[in-house]
N, C-alpha and C. Protein backbone atom coordinates (compact mmCIF):
# COMPACT_ATOMS: atom_id res chain seq x y z
N UNK A 1 -19.50 -7.01 -21.74
CA UNK A 1 -19.40 -6.33 -20.30
C UNK A 1 -18.53 -5.22 -20.51
N UNK A 2 -18.71 -4.19 -19.70
CA UNK A 2 -18.16 -2.89 -19.78
C UNK A 2 -16.83 -3.25 -18.91
N UNK A 3 -15.63 -2.36 -19.22
CA UNK A 3 -14.44 -2.44 -18.88
C UNK A 3 -13.94 -0.99 -18.55
N UNK A 4 -12.74 -1.26 -17.68
CA UNK A 4 -11.96 0.03 -17.26
C UNK A 4 -10.65 -0.12 -17.31
N UNK A 5 -10.04 0.74 -17.26
CA UNK A 5 -8.43 0.78 -17.15
C UNK A 5 -7.89 0.94 -15.63
N UNK A 6 -6.96 0.04 -15.30
CA UNK A 6 -6.30 0.19 -13.86
C UNK A 6 -5.09 0.72 -14.10
N UNK A 7 -4.73 1.82 -13.55
CA UNK A 7 -3.26 2.35 -13.49
C UNK A 7 -2.80 2.01 -12.22
N UNK A 8 -1.72 1.23 -12.19
CA UNK A 8 -0.83 1.10 -10.87
C UNK A 8 0.39 1.87 -10.97
N UNK A 9 0.82 2.66 -10.02
CA UNK A 9 1.78 3.56 -9.97
C UNK A 9 2.41 3.11 -8.46
N UNK A 10 3.74 2.97 -8.48
CA UNK A 10 4.63 2.69 -7.19
C UNK A 10 5.99 3.64 -7.43
N UNK A 11 6.89 3.61 -6.65
CA UNK A 11 8.17 4.29 -6.70
C UNK A 11 8.88 3.66 -7.92
N UNK A 12 8.88 2.38 -7.97
CA UNK A 12 9.70 1.70 -9.11
C UNK A 12 8.83 1.21 -10.48
N UNK A 13 7.66 1.28 -10.30
CA UNK A 13 6.75 0.43 -11.32
C UNK A 13 5.58 1.41 -11.77
N UNK A 14 5.32 1.30 -13.03
CA UNK A 14 4.04 1.65 -13.58
C UNK A 14 3.32 0.70 -14.23
N UNK A 15 2.16 0.44 -14.23
CA UNK A 15 1.53 -0.73 -15.06
C UNK A 15 0.08 -0.16 -15.38
N UNK A 16 -0.35 -0.40 -16.47
CA UNK A 16 -1.73 0.01 -16.86
C UNK A 16 -2.30 -1.50 -17.42
N UNK A 17 -3.34 -1.73 -16.82
CA UNK A 17 -4.17 -2.88 -17.15
C UNK A 17 -5.31 -2.65 -17.72
N UNK A 18 -5.62 -2.97 -18.96
CA UNK A 18 -6.73 -2.72 -19.62
C UNK A 18 -7.73 -3.84 -19.43
N UNK A 19 -9.24 -3.54 -19.54
CA UNK A 19 -10.25 -4.65 -19.76
C UNK A 19 -10.58 -5.25 -18.22
N UNK A 20 -10.06 -4.22 -17.33
CA UNK A 20 -10.65 -4.57 -15.90
C UNK A 20 -12.13 -4.44 -15.81
N UNK A 21 -13.03 -5.66 -15.36
CA UNK A 21 -14.35 -5.66 -15.09
C UNK A 21 -14.85 -5.22 -13.77
N UNK A 22 -13.78 -5.47 -12.77
CA UNK A 22 -14.49 -4.94 -11.43
C UNK A 22 -13.18 -4.85 -10.63
N UNK A 23 -13.33 -4.12 -9.40
CA UNK A 23 -12.15 -4.04 -8.16
C UNK A 23 -12.66 -3.99 -7.09
N UNK A 24 -12.02 -4.75 -6.19
CA UNK A 24 -12.45 -4.73 -4.71
C UNK A 24 -11.32 -4.16 -3.69
N UNK A 25 -11.79 -3.32 -3.02
CA UNK A 25 -10.45 -2.89 -2.20
C UNK A 25 -10.88 -2.68 -0.92
N UNK A 26 -10.42 -2.00 0.07
CA UNK A 26 -10.73 -1.67 1.58
C UNK A 26 -9.93 -0.40 1.94
N UNK A 27 -10.78 0.36 2.44
CA UNK A 27 -10.33 1.53 3.27
C UNK A 27 -10.68 1.61 4.67
N UNK A 28 -10.67 2.65 5.51
CA UNK A 28 -11.27 2.86 7.02
C UNK A 28 -12.41 2.45 7.00
N UNK A 29 -13.44 2.48 6.10
CA UNK A 29 -14.92 2.38 6.48
C UNK A 29 -15.32 0.98 5.93
N UNK A 30 -14.32 0.25 5.28
CA UNK A 30 -14.75 -1.11 5.19
C UNK A 30 -14.28 -1.44 3.38
N UNK A 31 -14.93 -2.57 3.23
CA UNK A 31 -14.61 -3.16 1.69
C UNK A 31 -15.58 -2.26 0.81
N UNK A 32 -15.26 -2.18 -0.42
CA UNK A 32 -16.06 -1.66 -1.39
C UNK A 32 -15.53 -2.17 -2.73
N UNK A 33 -16.56 -2.00 -3.86
CA UNK A 33 -16.34 -2.55 -5.08
C UNK A 33 -16.53 -1.33 -6.26
N UNK A 34 -15.90 -1.63 -7.20
CA UNK A 34 -15.67 -0.51 -8.38
C UNK A 34 -16.08 -1.35 -9.57
N UNK A 35 -16.90 -0.71 -10.27
CA UNK A 35 -17.20 -1.34 -11.76
C UNK A 35 -17.00 -0.33 -12.84
N UNK A 36 -17.09 -0.54 -14.00
CA UNK A 36 -17.08 0.22 -15.09
C UNK A 36 -18.02 1.26 -15.02
N UNK A 37 -17.72 2.72 -15.32
CA UNK A 37 -18.77 3.66 -15.30
C UNK A 37 -18.80 4.11 -13.73
N UNK A 38 -18.12 4.02 -12.96
CA UNK A 38 -18.23 4.35 -11.36
C UNK A 38 -18.08 5.80 -11.31
N UNK A 39 -18.87 6.30 -10.51
CA UNK A 39 -18.78 7.86 -10.24
C UNK A 39 -17.25 8.10 -9.89
N UNK A 40 -16.85 9.37 -10.00
CA UNK A 40 -15.57 9.98 -9.47
C UNK A 40 -15.74 9.76 -8.01
N UNK A 41 -14.23 9.18 -7.41
CA UNK A 41 -14.20 9.12 -6.05
C UNK A 41 -12.77 8.88 -5.72
N UNK A 42 -12.45 9.29 -4.44
CA UNK A 42 -11.09 8.95 -4.07
C UNK A 42 -11.02 8.66 -2.60
N UNK A 43 -9.95 7.48 -2.29
CA UNK A 43 -10.04 7.12 -1.02
C UNK A 43 -8.53 6.78 -0.71
N UNK A 44 -8.14 6.69 0.59
CA UNK A 44 -7.02 6.05 1.11
C UNK A 44 -7.15 4.47 1.33
N UNK A 45 -6.45 3.79 0.53
CA UNK A 45 -6.57 2.22 0.77
C UNK A 45 -5.85 1.82 2.02
N UNK A 46 -6.31 0.86 2.76
CA UNK A 46 -5.78 0.19 3.91
C UNK A 46 -4.71 -0.62 3.50
N UNK A 47 -3.91 -1.01 4.35
CA UNK A 47 -2.69 -2.06 4.08
C UNK A 47 -3.46 -3.37 3.90
N UNK A 48 -3.21 -4.00 3.04
CA UNK A 48 -3.46 -5.49 2.86
C UNK A 48 -3.82 -5.94 1.39
N UNK A 49 -4.70 -6.94 1.22
CA UNK A 49 -4.85 -7.21 -0.24
C UNK A 49 -6.21 -6.48 -0.77
N UNK A 50 -6.25 -6.04 -2.09
CA UNK A 50 -7.21 -5.63 -2.99
C UNK A 50 -7.25 -6.81 -4.20
N UNK A 51 -8.27 -6.68 -4.94
CA UNK A 51 -8.26 -7.49 -6.29
C UNK A 51 -9.08 -7.01 -7.20
N UNK A 52 -8.68 -7.57 -8.52
CA UNK A 52 -9.43 -6.88 -9.62
C UNK A 52 -9.88 -8.13 -10.48
N UNK A 53 -10.85 -8.13 -11.30
CA UNK A 53 -11.14 -9.13 -12.37
C UNK A 53 -10.82 -8.52 -13.71
N UNK A 54 -10.01 -9.42 -14.25
CA UNK A 54 -9.48 -9.12 -15.69
C UNK A 54 -10.43 -9.52 -16.79
N UNK A 55 -10.12 -9.22 -18.01
CA UNK A 55 -10.90 -9.39 -19.26
C UNK A 55 -10.96 -11.08 -19.38
N UNK A 56 -10.28 -11.76 -18.85
CA UNK A 56 -10.17 -13.45 -18.79
C UNK A 56 -11.40 -13.87 -17.77
N UNK A 57 -11.96 -13.07 -17.04
CA UNK A 57 -12.65 -13.35 -15.68
C UNK A 57 -11.78 -13.97 -14.68
N UNK A 58 -10.77 -13.62 -14.61
CA UNK A 58 -9.78 -14.32 -13.53
C UNK A 58 -9.34 -13.01 -12.49
N UNK A 59 -9.59 -13.43 -11.21
CA UNK A 59 -9.39 -12.59 -10.11
C UNK A 59 -7.74 -12.48 -9.90
N UNK A 60 -7.17 -11.05 -9.86
CA UNK A 60 -5.78 -10.99 -9.69
C UNK A 60 -5.69 -10.23 -8.45
N UNK A 61 -4.82 -10.54 -7.44
CA UNK A 61 -4.73 -9.87 -6.10
C UNK A 61 -3.53 -9.09 -6.22
N UNK A 62 -3.69 -8.00 -5.49
CA UNK A 62 -2.72 -6.78 -5.41
C UNK A 62 -2.59 -6.71 -3.68
N UNK A 63 -1.09 -6.77 -3.42
CA UNK A 63 -0.84 -6.79 -2.00
C UNK A 63 -0.10 -5.39 -1.89
N UNK A 64 -0.79 -4.34 -1.07
CA UNK A 64 -0.53 -3.06 -0.93
C UNK A 64 -0.15 -2.66 0.42
N UNK A 65 0.87 -1.64 0.53
CA UNK A 65 0.99 -1.14 1.94
C UNK A 65 0.24 0.14 2.04
N UNK A 66 -1.05 0.00 1.74
CA UNK A 66 -1.87 1.27 1.60
C UNK A 66 -1.67 1.89 0.35
N UNK A 67 -2.09 3.30 0.17
CA UNK A 67 -2.30 3.87 -0.96
C UNK A 67 -3.27 4.79 -1.06
N UNK A 68 -3.40 5.45 -2.10
CA UNK A 68 -4.14 6.37 -2.68
C UNK A 68 -4.95 5.73 -4.07
N UNK A 69 -6.48 5.87 -3.82
CA UNK A 69 -6.99 5.37 -5.04
C UNK A 69 -8.18 6.42 -5.58
N UNK A 70 -7.93 6.45 -6.90
CA UNK A 70 -8.86 7.57 -7.47
C UNK A 70 -9.57 7.04 -8.82
N UNK A 71 -10.61 7.24 -8.98
CA UNK A 71 -11.57 6.81 -9.99
C UNK A 71 -12.00 7.92 -10.65
N UNK A 72 -11.97 7.98 -11.81
CA UNK A 72 -12.37 9.30 -12.86
C UNK A 72 -12.51 8.74 -14.16
N UNK A 73 -13.49 9.04 -14.96
CA UNK A 73 -13.35 8.78 -16.30
C UNK A 73 -13.16 7.51 -16.79
N UNK A 74 -14.06 6.51 -16.37
CA UNK A 74 -13.86 5.09 -16.40
C UNK A 74 -12.21 4.56 -16.34
N UNK A 75 -11.50 5.30 -15.45
CA UNK A 75 -10.24 4.63 -15.19
C UNK A 75 -9.99 4.83 -13.71
N UNK A 76 -9.33 3.85 -13.33
CA UNK A 76 -9.00 3.59 -11.78
C UNK A 76 -7.53 3.81 -11.66
N UNK A 77 -7.09 4.51 -10.76
CA UNK A 77 -5.55 4.87 -10.41
C UNK A 77 -5.27 4.44 -9.04
N UNK A 78 -4.36 3.87 -8.94
CA UNK A 78 -3.78 3.46 -7.53
C UNK A 78 -2.39 4.11 -7.32
N UNK A 79 -2.24 4.69 -6.18
CA UNK A 79 -0.73 5.25 -6.19
C UNK A 79 -0.27 4.63 -4.88
N UNK A 80 1.02 4.09 -4.87
CA UNK A 80 1.25 3.39 -3.38
C UNK A 80 2.88 3.31 -3.34
N UNK A 81 3.39 3.16 -2.31
CA UNK A 81 4.89 3.13 -2.43
C UNK A 81 5.45 1.89 -3.16
N UNK A 82 4.53 0.72 -3.16
CA UNK A 82 5.11 -0.52 -3.93
C UNK A 82 3.58 -1.46 -3.80
N UNK A 83 3.79 -2.50 -4.75
CA UNK A 83 2.79 -3.34 -4.67
C UNK A 83 3.54 -4.70 -5.37
N UNK A 84 2.39 -5.76 -5.08
CA UNK A 84 2.55 -7.06 -5.60
C UNK A 84 1.32 -7.53 -6.28
N UNK A 85 1.61 -8.16 -7.42
CA UNK A 85 0.12 -8.70 -8.12
C UNK A 85 0.38 -10.22 -8.21
N UNK A 86 -0.75 -10.94 -8.19
CA UNK A 86 -0.48 -12.39 -8.39
C UNK A 86 -1.98 -12.88 -8.42
N UNK A 87 -2.27 -14.03 -9.33
CA UNK A 87 -3.57 -14.48 -9.51
C UNK A 87 -3.84 -15.36 -8.16
N UNK A 88 -2.82 -16.08 -7.67
CA UNK A 88 -2.97 -16.96 -6.64
C UNK A 88 -2.81 -16.33 -5.21
N UNK A 89 -3.99 -16.71 -4.80
CA UNK A 89 -4.19 -15.99 -3.33
C UNK A 89 -3.59 -16.47 -2.29
N UNK A 90 -3.23 -17.84 -2.26
CA UNK A 90 -2.10 -18.29 -1.17
C UNK A 90 -0.83 -17.56 -1.29
N UNK A 91 -0.34 -17.77 -2.50
CA UNK A 91 1.21 -17.04 -2.68
C UNK A 91 1.11 -15.77 -2.40
N UNK A 92 0.14 -14.94 -2.75
CA UNK A 92 0.46 -13.42 -2.35
C UNK A 92 -0.14 -13.26 -0.96
N UNK A 93 -0.78 -13.95 -0.24
CA UNK A 93 -1.06 -13.82 1.01
C UNK A 93 0.05 -13.99 1.88
N UNK A 94 1.07 -15.20 1.44
CA UNK A 94 2.18 -15.56 2.16
C UNK A 94 3.28 -14.51 1.95
N UNK A 95 3.32 -13.84 0.58
CA UNK A 95 4.22 -12.70 0.50
C UNK A 95 3.93 -11.46 1.39
N UNK A 96 2.54 -11.40 1.21
CA UNK A 96 2.01 -10.20 2.26
C UNK A 96 2.55 -10.12 3.70
N UNK A 97 2.47 -11.44 4.10
CA UNK A 97 2.60 -11.65 5.47
C UNK A 97 4.30 -11.64 5.92
N UNK A 98 4.91 -12.09 4.80
CA UNK A 98 6.49 -12.12 4.86
C UNK A 98 6.99 -10.55 5.01
N UNK A 99 6.46 -10.28 4.12
CA UNK A 99 6.83 -8.48 3.82
C UNK A 99 6.31 -7.61 5.10
N UNK A 100 5.03 -7.85 5.48
CA UNK A 100 4.74 -7.16 6.65
C UNK A 100 5.44 -7.35 7.87
N UNK A 101 5.80 -8.62 8.29
CA UNK A 101 6.84 -8.96 9.27
C UNK A 101 8.35 -8.38 9.08
N UNK A 102 8.66 -8.36 7.84
CA UNK A 102 10.05 -7.73 7.74
C UNK A 102 9.91 -6.41 7.97
N UNK A 103 8.92 -5.58 7.28
CA UNK A 103 8.63 -4.26 7.73
C UNK A 103 8.68 -3.83 9.13
N UNK A 104 7.87 -4.89 9.66
CA UNK A 104 7.54 -4.41 11.36
C UNK A 104 9.10 -4.38 11.93
N UNK A 105 9.77 -5.61 11.56
CA UNK A 105 11.22 -5.72 12.13
C UNK A 105 12.09 -4.38 12.01
N UNK A 106 11.88 -3.99 10.63
CA UNK A 106 12.66 -2.72 10.28
C UNK A 106 12.19 -1.45 10.96
N UNK A 107 11.08 -1.48 10.99
CA UNK A 107 10.44 -0.17 11.97
C UNK A 107 11.07 -0.41 13.36
N UNK A 108 11.03 -1.49 13.95
CA UNK A 108 11.47 -1.80 15.38
C UNK A 108 12.91 -1.32 15.28
N UNK A 109 13.50 -1.89 14.60
CA UNK A 109 15.04 -1.53 14.58
C UNK A 109 15.33 0.04 14.49
N UNK A 110 14.48 0.63 13.57
CA UNK A 110 14.68 2.28 13.38
C UNK A 110 14.28 2.81 14.63
N UNK A 111 13.23 2.29 15.27
CA UNK A 111 12.79 3.02 16.52
C UNK A 111 13.88 2.86 17.74
N UNK A 112 14.39 1.82 17.77
CA UNK A 112 15.40 1.27 18.55
C UNK A 112 16.74 2.27 18.39
N UNK A 113 17.16 2.40 17.01
CA UNK A 113 18.26 3.25 16.87
C UNK A 113 17.92 4.77 17.18
N UNK A 114 16.56 5.28 16.84
CA UNK A 114 16.35 6.59 17.38
C UNK A 114 16.43 6.74 18.79
N UNK A 115 15.85 5.94 19.74
CA UNK A 115 15.95 5.89 21.00
C UNK A 115 17.30 6.10 21.44
N UNK A 116 18.22 5.12 21.12
CA UNK A 116 19.61 5.26 21.63
C UNK A 116 20.24 6.54 21.27
N UNK A 117 19.86 7.16 19.88
CA UNK A 117 20.39 8.29 19.73
C UNK A 117 19.91 9.68 20.51
N UNK A 118 18.71 9.59 20.72
CA UNK A 118 18.12 10.46 21.56
C UNK A 118 18.82 10.52 22.91
N UNK A 119 18.99 9.19 23.75
CA UNK A 119 19.42 9.13 24.96
C UNK A 119 20.92 9.49 25.00
N UNK A 120 21.70 9.29 23.87
CA UNK A 120 23.17 9.76 23.73
C UNK A 120 23.27 11.22 23.69
N UNK A 121 22.11 11.87 23.05
CA UNK A 121 22.28 13.38 22.63
C UNK A 121 21.83 13.82 24.10
N UNK A 122 20.87 13.39 24.92
CA UNK A 122 20.58 14.00 26.15
C UNK A 122 21.73 13.80 27.15
N UNK A 123 22.45 12.85 27.07
CA UNK A 123 23.56 12.45 27.84
C UNK A 123 24.71 13.79 27.39
N UNK A 124 24.79 13.84 26.64
CA UNK A 124 26.04 14.69 26.07
C UNK A 124 25.33 16.30 26.53
N UNK A 125 24.28 16.70 26.39
CA UNK A 125 23.34 17.88 26.62
C UNK A 125 23.80 18.09 28.16
N UNK A 126 23.54 16.90 28.88
CA UNK A 126 23.56 17.14 30.45
C UNK A 126 24.98 17.14 31.01
N UNK A 127 25.81 16.45 30.28
CA UNK A 127 27.50 16.72 30.60
C UNK A 127 27.90 18.06 30.12
N UNK A 128 27.37 18.73 29.04
CA UNK A 128 27.60 20.06 28.75
C UNK A 128 27.23 20.88 29.51
N UNK A 129 26.15 20.89 30.17
CA UNK A 129 25.46 21.65 30.83
C UNK A 129 26.12 21.56 32.29
N UNK A 130 26.56 20.60 32.90
CA UNK A 130 27.36 20.31 33.94
C UNK A 130 28.54 20.94 33.97
N UNK A 131 29.41 20.85 32.71
CA UNK A 131 30.56 21.40 32.72
C UNK A 131 30.54 22.94 32.44
N UNK A 132 29.43 23.44 32.21
CA UNK A 132 29.28 25.07 32.01
C UNK A 132 29.08 25.69 33.25
N UNK A 133 28.59 24.84 34.31
CA UNK A 133 27.99 25.44 35.74
C UNK A 133 29.41 25.28 36.39
């Protein structure tokens, strides 16, 4: 069976997986599959799970917060902020859900802090303007 190399890049990791027979991912248009010899393509991956089949015919799951996928010259490149990989679907699904909830909470906290900062700046500008009149 023909294989290709999967190159995974994140801010803190770089991994090359040889002997990949197929990859299944998802972008805004839906799910798609890639096998060895696939035509050159590029797409933006959606947040969630992707998977690839290794040389041992085992599915390995990738949890990704989105990313860029590029297929060229019988190699597949995925660039993302971070990723987790695990052959156990239940474990990686739980990890993805836990991470997603944590990121949503952090994002909410950042938005709240920005809102408070904006309100404080407007209040100070208003006071400065009143003092100048």
